[in-house]
Amino acid sequence: MIDTQFKATLEMLIPLVIKEVMKSRSINEKEAFELLYSSFLYSKLEIESTKLWHLSQLTLANLLNEEIETGTIIFPEEA
C-alpha cells in the first residue's frame, strides 16, 4: 500500500475506533484519543506491515480494552 493510501486509511479508521472505545468504556472523545494514541496497539497499528488496519473498528477497540485491562494483547491470527 502506498504511504498516502495507508495514512488515509488510518485517518478514516481511527475515528471509528474512538467511537467504539467511547461506547465500551463510557468515556469522552478526548479520553478515548489519549488511551488509543498512548497504547501499544496504536504503535503497531501505525505500521502498515502489521496489517492491523484491516481489522474492524470493533475488533481494534476490543484489543485496546484488552491491553488496558490486562497489559497485554493477543492479536488475532488474521492480523
C-alpha atoms as a PDB file:
ATOM      1  CA  MET A   1       0.000   0.000   0.000  1.00  0.00           C
ATOM      2  CA  ILE A   2       1.282   3.446  -0.852  1.00  0.00           C
ATOM      3  CA  ASP A   3       2.102   5.560   2.203  1.00  0.00           C
ATOM      4  CA  THR A   4      -0.537   8.190   1.377  1.00  0.00           C
ATOM      5  CA  GLN A   5      -3.183   5.482   0.992  1.00  0.00           C
ATOM      6  CA  PHE A   6      -2.200   3.978   4.326  1.00  0.00           C
ATOM      7  CA  LYS A   7      -2.385   7.356   6.070  1.00  0.00           C
ATOM      8  CA  ALA A   8      -5.812   7.967   4.530  1.00  0.00           C
ATOM      9  CA  THR A   9      -6.965   4.549   5.727  1.00  0.00           C
ATOM     10  CA  LEU A  10      -5.843   5.340   9.275  1.00  0.00           C
ATOM     11  CA  GLU A  11      -7.498   8.756   9.151  1.00  0.00           C
ATOM     12  CA  MET A  12     -10.802   7.072   8.329  1.00  0.00           C
ATOM     13  CA  LEU A  13     -10.372   4.176  10.755  1.00  0.00           C
ATOM     14  CA  ILE A  14      -9.230   5.989  13.908  1.00  0.00           C
ATOM     15  CA  PRO A  15     -12.470   7.982  14.483  1.00  0.00           C
ATOM     16  CA  LEU A  16     -14.464   4.755  14.155  1.00  0.00           C
ATOM     17  CA  VAL A  17     -12.264   3.036  16.723  1.00  0.00           C
ATOM     18  CA  ILE A  18     -12.576   6.049  19.008  1.00  0.00           C
ATOM     19  CA  LYS A  19     -16.381   5.832  18.866  1.00  0.00           C
ATOM     20  CA  GLU A  20     -16.248   2.161  19.836  1.00  0.00           C
ATOM     21  CA  VAL A  21     -13.863   2.884  22.722  1.00  0.00           C
ATOM     22  CA  MET A  22     -16.095   5.723  23.933  1.00  0.00           C
ATOM     23  CA  LYS A  23     -19.108   3.381  23.959  1.00  0.00           C
ATOM     24  CA  SER A  24     -17.377   0.422  25.565  1.00  0.00           C
ATOM     25  CA  ARG A  25     -15.600   2.430  28.285  1.00  0.00           C
ATOM     26  CA  SER A  26     -18.201   5.192  28.783  1.00  0.00           C
ATOM     27  CA  ILE A  27     -15.593   7.905  28.319  1.00  0.00           C
ATOM     28  CA  ASN A  28     -15.429  11.105  26.316  1.00  0.00           C
ATOM     29  CA  GLU A  29     -13.674  11.587  22.996  1.00  0.00           C
ATOM     30  CA  LYS A  30     -10.567  13.233  24.452  1.00  0.00           C
ATOM     31  CA  GLU A  31     -10.037  10.369  26.901  1.00  0.00           C
ATOM     32  CA  ALA A  32     -10.529   7.804  24.145  1.00  0.00           C
ATOM     33  CA  PHE A  33      -7.978   9.513  21.895  1.00  0.00           C
ATOM     34  CA  GLU A  34      -5.486   9.663  24.770  1.00  0.00           C
ATOM     35  CA  LEU A  35      -5.948   5.959  25.507  1.00  0.00           C
ATOM     36  CA  LEU A  36      -5.546   4.957  21.881  1.00  0.00           C
ATOM     37  CA  TYR A  37      -2.611   7.180  20.991  1.00  0.00           C
ATOM     38  CA  SER A  38      -0.643   6.159  24.105  1.00  0.00           C
ATOM     39  CA  SER A  39      -1.240   2.436  23.580  1.00  0.00           C
ATOM     40  CA  PHE A  40       0.992  -0.365  22.361  1.00  0.00           C
ATOM     41  CA  LEU A  41      -1.839  -1.221  19.969  1.00  0.00           C
ATOM     42  CA  TYR A  42      -1.546   2.160  18.256  1.00  0.00           C
ATOM     43  CA  SER A  43       2.228   1.814  17.966  1.00  0.00           C
ATOM     44  CA  LYS A  44       1.586  -1.360  15.956  1.00  0.00           C
ATOM     45  CA  LEU A  45      -1.459  -0.034  14.102  1.00  0.00           C
ATOM     46  CA  GLU A  46       0.515   2.832  12.614  1.00  0.00           C
ATOM     47  CA  ILE A  47       2.929   0.357  10.984  1.00  0.00           C
ATOM     48  CA  GLU A  48       1.403  -0.678   7.660  1.00  0.00           C
ATOM     49  CA  SER A  49       3.170  -4.037   7.542  1.00  0.00           C
ATOM     50  CA  THR A  50       1.398  -5.296  10.695  1.00  0.00           C
ATOM     51  CA  LYS A  51      -1.854  -5.305   8.704  1.00  0.00           C
ATOM     52  CA  LEU A  52      -3.801  -4.374  11.851  1.00  0.00           C
ATOM     53  CA  TRP A  53      -5.506  -1.628   9.847  1.00  0.00           C
ATOM     54  CA  HIS A  54      -7.643  -4.234   8.108  1.00  0.00           C
ATOM     55  CA  LEU A  55      -9.338  -5.298  11.361  1.00  0.00           C
ATOM     56  CA  SER A  56     -12.761  -3.874  12.164  1.00  0.00           C
ATOM     57  CA  GLN A  57     -13.152  -0.901  14.456  1.00  0.00           C
ATOM     58  CA  LEU A  58     -14.889  -3.144  16.994  1.00  0.00           C
ATOM     59  CA  THR A  59     -12.022  -5.638  16.980  1.00  0.00           C
ATOM     60  CA  LEU A  60      -9.475  -2.842  17.380  1.00  0.00           C
ATOM     61  CA  ALA A  61     -11.469  -1.319  20.259  1.00  0.00           C
ATOM     62  CA  ASN A  62     -11.664  -4.737  21.920  1.00  0.00           C
ATOM     63  CA  LEU A  63      -7.903  -5.155  21.522  1.00  0.00           C
ATOM     64  CA  LEU A  64      -7.352  -1.760  23.130  1.00  0.00           C
ATOM     65  CA  ASN A  65      -9.649  -2.670  26.012  1.00  0.00           C
ATOM     66  CA  GLU A  66      -7.766  -5.954  26.411  1.00  0.00           C
ATOM     67  CA  GLU A  67      -4.479  -4.044  26.571  1.00  0.00           C
ATOM     68  CA  ILE A  68      -5.868  -1.614  29.160  1.00  0.00           C
ATOM     69  CA  GLU A  69      -7.346  -4.364  31.329  1.00  0.00           C
ATOM     70  CA  THR A  70      -4.565  -6.966  31.132  1.00  0.00           C
ATOM     71  CA  GLY A  71      -1.485  -5.098  29.976  1.00  0.00           C
ATOM     72  CA  THR A  72      -1.113  -7.440  27.010  1.00  0.00           C
ATOM     73  CA  ILE A  73      -2.709  -8.040  23.634  1.00  0.00           C
ATOM     74  CA  ILE A  74      -3.249 -11.298  21.827  1.00  0.00           C
ATOM     75  CA  PHE A  75      -3.540 -10.336  18.184  1.00  0.00           C
ATOM     76  CA  PRO A  76      -5.946 -12.334  16.024  1.00  0.00           C
ATOM     77  CA  GLU A  77      -4.306 -14.731  13.581  1.00  0.00           C
ATOM     78  CA  GLU A  78      -5.602 -12.778  10.590  1.00  0.00           C
ATOM     79  CA  ALA A  79      -3.638  -9.708  11.737  1.00  0.00           C
END
